[in-house]
Structure formats: C-alpha cells, structure tokens
Amino acid sequence: MEALFETSLECPYCGETVSVLVERSPGSQAYYEDCSVCCKPMAIVVSVDDDGSAQVSARSEDDA
C-alpha cells in the first residue's frame, strides 16, 4: 500500500474541485492546506481505518 494518495475535494470557499495528497497512516489527522484555486486555507480532516480505507473532508477555517 502506498504511503500517500491523491484525492479530490470541493473547496468550502469557492466550490471548485481541488486535488490534495493525503497520508494513508491509520488513525486521524487534521491540517490546513491552501486551496489551489482561491488560496484560502481549508481545514483537511482525514480518517484512515486499519484496512486502509480513508474518509477525507475539507472545511472552511471558521467551521474547523
């Protein structure tokens, strides 16, 4: 299994679909990444199960 994978998310500010690289380590992680379209900071939340399946979401800085 690869350590990083690419996924697409909708920016909570501009609504555009953007790609982000996410680490596939089991557990939860949260970090900020600027939208590649509007440059506003998105709060990226990642939850990876022991089997490697991941749930990824993006929220605005105010909603984080």
N, C-alpha and C. Protein backbone atom coordinates (compact mmCIF):
# COMPACT_ATOMS: atom_id res chain seq x y z
N MET A 1 0.84 -1.17 0.00
CA MET A 1 0.00 0.00 0.00
C MET A 1 0.89 1.24 0.00
N GLU A 2 0.55 2.22 -0.83
CA GLU A 2 1.33 3.44 -0.91
C GLU A 2 1.08 4.32 0.30
N ALA A 3 2.11 5.08 0.72
CA ALA A 3 2.01 5.94 1.89
C ALA A 3 1.16 7.18 1.61
N LEU A 4 1.18 7.67 0.38
CA LEU A 4 0.40 8.84 0.01
C LEU A 4 -0.57 8.49 -1.12
N PHE A 5 -1.72 9.15 -1.12
CA PHE A 5 -2.63 9.00 -2.24
C PHE A 5 -3.26 10.36 -2.55
N GLU A 6 -3.70 10.50 -3.77
CA GLU A 6 -4.31 11.75 -4.20
C GLU A 6 -5.82 11.60 -4.20
N THR A 7 -6.49 12.62 -3.71
CA THR A 7 -7.95 12.61 -3.71
C THR A 7 -8.44 14.00 -4.09
N SER A 8 -9.68 14.08 -4.53
CA SER A 8 -10.27 15.36 -4.91
C SER A 8 -11.31 15.77 -3.88
N LEU A 9 -11.32 17.07 -3.60
CA LEU A 9 -12.25 17.65 -2.64
C LEU A 9 -12.86 18.91 -3.23
N GLU A 10 -14.00 19.31 -2.70
CA GLU A 10 -14.59 20.58 -3.09
C GLU A 10 -14.17 21.64 -2.07
N CYS A 11 -13.62 22.74 -2.55
CA CYS A 11 -13.21 23.83 -1.67
C CYS A 11 -14.44 24.41 -0.99
N PRO A 12 -14.42 24.57 0.34
CA PRO A 12 -15.59 25.11 1.04
C PRO A 12 -15.79 26.61 0.78
N TYR A 13 -14.82 27.26 0.18
CA TYR A 13 -14.93 28.69 -0.11
C TYR A 13 -15.42 28.96 -1.53
N CYS A 14 -14.69 28.45 -2.52
CA CYS A 14 -15.01 28.78 -3.92
C CYS A 14 -15.80 27.69 -4.63
N GLY A 15 -15.89 26.49 -4.03
CA GLY A 15 -16.68 25.41 -4.61
C GLY A 15 -15.99 24.64 -5.72
N GLU A 16 -14.76 25.02 -6.06
CA GLU A 16 -14.02 24.31 -7.11
C GLU A 16 -13.50 22.97 -6.58
N THR A 17 -13.35 22.02 -7.47
CA THR A 17 -12.77 20.73 -7.11
C THR A 17 -11.25 20.85 -7.17
N VAL A 18 -10.58 20.49 -6.08
CA VAL A 18 -9.12 20.56 -6.00
C VAL A 18 -8.57 19.20 -5.57
N SER A 19 -7.33 18.92 -5.95
CA SER A 19 -6.67 17.67 -5.57
C SER A 19 -5.73 17.92 -4.41
N VAL A 20 -5.71 16.98 -3.47
CA VAL A 20 -4.78 17.05 -2.34
C VAL A 20 -4.11 15.70 -2.16
N LEU A 21 -2.90 15.70 -1.66
CA LEU A 21 -2.20 14.47 -1.31
C LEU A 21 -2.43 14.19 0.17
N VAL A 22 -2.77 12.95 0.48
CA VAL A 22 -3.11 12.56 1.84
C VAL A 22 -2.27 11.37 2.25
N GLU A 23 -1.80 11.38 3.49
CA GLU A 23 -1.04 10.25 4.03
C GLU A 23 -2.00 9.16 4.45
N ARG A 24 -1.67 7.92 4.14
CA ARG A 24 -2.55 6.79 4.42
C ARG A 24 -2.17 6.06 5.71
N SER A 25 -1.73 6.78 6.72
CA SER A 25 -1.43 6.17 8.02
C SER A 25 -2.72 5.97 8.79
N PRO A 26 -2.90 4.78 9.42
CA PRO A 26 -4.12 4.54 10.20
C PRO A 26 -4.28 5.59 11.31
N GLY A 27 -5.53 5.99 11.53
CA GLY A 27 -5.83 6.99 12.55
C GLY A 27 -6.41 8.24 11.92
N SER A 28 -6.42 9.29 12.72
CA SER A 28 -6.98 10.56 12.27
C SER A 28 -5.90 11.63 12.21
N GLN A 29 -6.06 12.55 11.29
CA GLN A 29 -5.15 13.68 11.19
C GLN A 29 -5.94 14.87 10.66
N ALA A 30 -5.47 16.05 11.00
CA ALA A 30 -6.08 17.29 10.51
C ALA A 30 -4.97 18.28 10.24
N TYR A 31 -5.11 19.01 9.15
CA TYR A 31 -4.11 20.01 8.80
C TYR A 31 -4.74 21.04 7.89
N TYR A 32 -4.06 22.15 7.68
CA TYR A 32 -4.54 23.20 6.79
C TYR A 32 -3.76 23.16 5.49
N GLU A 33 -4.48 23.36 4.39
CA GLU A 33 -3.86 23.45 3.08
C GLU A 33 -4.61 24.52 2.30
N ASP A 34 -3.86 25.39 1.64
CA ASP A 34 -4.49 26.44 0.85
C ASP A 34 -5.11 25.87 -0.41
N CYS A 35 -6.29 26.36 -0.75
CA CYS A 35 -6.95 25.97 -1.99
C CYS A 35 -6.09 26.42 -3.16
N SER A 36 -5.89 25.55 -4.13
CA SER A 36 -5.05 25.88 -5.28
C SER A 36 -5.75 26.83 -6.25
N VAL A 37 -7.05 27.08 -6.05
CA VAL A 37 -7.79 27.99 -6.91
C VAL A 37 -7.93 29.38 -6.27
N CYS A 38 -8.49 29.44 -5.04
CA CYS A 38 -8.76 30.74 -4.40
C CYS A 38 -7.76 31.10 -3.31
N CYS A 39 -6.87 30.17 -2.97
CA CYS A 39 -5.79 30.38 -1.99
C CYS A 39 -6.24 30.55 -0.55
N LYS A 40 -7.49 30.26 -0.24
CA LYS A 40 -7.95 30.35 1.15
C LYS A 40 -7.62 29.04 1.88
N PRO A 41 -7.37 29.12 3.20
CA PRO A 41 -6.97 27.92 3.95
C PRO A 41 -8.13 26.97 4.25
N MET A 42 -8.02 25.75 3.75
CA MET A 42 -9.02 24.71 4.02
C MET A 42 -8.51 23.84 5.16
N ALA A 43 -9.40 23.48 6.07
CA ALA A 43 -9.07 22.51 7.12
C ALA A 43 -9.36 21.12 6.54
N ILE A 44 -8.31 20.34 6.33
CA ILE A 44 -8.44 18.99 5.78
C ILE A 44 -8.46 18.01 6.95
N VAL A 45 -9.48 17.16 6.98
CA VAL A 45 -9.62 16.16 8.04
C VAL A 45 -9.60 14.79 7.38
N VAL A 46 -8.69 13.93 7.87
CA VAL A 46 -8.51 12.59 7.29
C VAL A 46 -8.68 11.55 8.39
N SER A 47 -9.44 10.52 8.09
CA SER A 47 -9.60 9.39 9.00
C SER A 47 -9.35 8.12 8.19
N VAL A 48 -8.34 7.34 8.60
CA VAL A 48 -7.97 6.12 7.88
C VAL A 48 -8.20 4.92 8.79
N ASP A 49 -8.99 3.96 8.29
CA ASP A 49 -9.24 2.72 9.03
C ASP A 49 -8.02 1.81 8.94
N ASP A 50 -7.99 0.78 9.78
CA ASP A 50 -6.88 -0.18 9.79
C ASP A 50 -6.74 -0.89 8.44
N ASP A 51 -7.83 -1.02 7.70
CA ASP A 51 -7.75 -1.70 6.39
C ASP A 51 -7.31 -0.76 5.27
N GLY A 52 -7.04 0.52 5.60
CA GLY A 52 -6.53 1.47 4.61
C GLY A 52 -7.59 2.32 3.93
N SER A 53 -8.87 2.08 4.23
CA SER A 53 -9.90 2.93 3.63
C SER A 53 -9.91 4.28 4.34
N ALA A 54 -10.05 5.34 3.54
CA ALA A 54 -9.93 6.70 4.08
C ALA A 54 -11.18 7.53 3.82
N GLN A 55 -11.49 8.39 4.76
CA GLN A 55 -12.52 9.40 4.60
C GLN A 55 -11.81 10.74 4.72
N VAL A 56 -12.00 11.60 3.71
CA VAL A 56 -11.32 12.89 3.66
C VAL A 56 -12.37 13.97 3.45
N SER A 57 -12.26 15.05 4.23
CA SER A 57 -13.19 16.16 4.06
C SER A 57 -12.45 17.48 4.22
N ALA A 58 -13.05 18.52 3.67
CA ALA A 58 -12.47 19.87 3.77
C ALA A 58 -13.54 20.80 4.34
N ARG A 59 -13.10 21.65 5.27
CA ARG A 59 -13.99 22.63 5.87
C ARG A 59 -13.34 23.99 5.81
N SER A 60 -14.15 25.03 5.93
CA SER A 60 -13.59 26.37 5.99
C SER A 60 -12.90 26.57 7.33
N GLU A 61 -12.04 27.54 7.40
CA GLU A 61 -11.29 27.81 8.62
C GLU A 61 -12.24 28.11 9.78
N ASP A 62 -13.35 28.78 9.50
CA ASP A 62 -14.33 29.12 10.54
C ASP A 62 -15.10 27.91 11.06
N ASP A 63 -15.29 26.90 10.19
CA ASP A 63 -16.03 25.71 10.57
C ASP A 63 -15.17 24.64 11.24
N ALA A 64 -13.85 24.79 11.17
CA ALA A 64 -12.93 23.78 11.71
C ALA A 64 -12.94 23.84 13.18
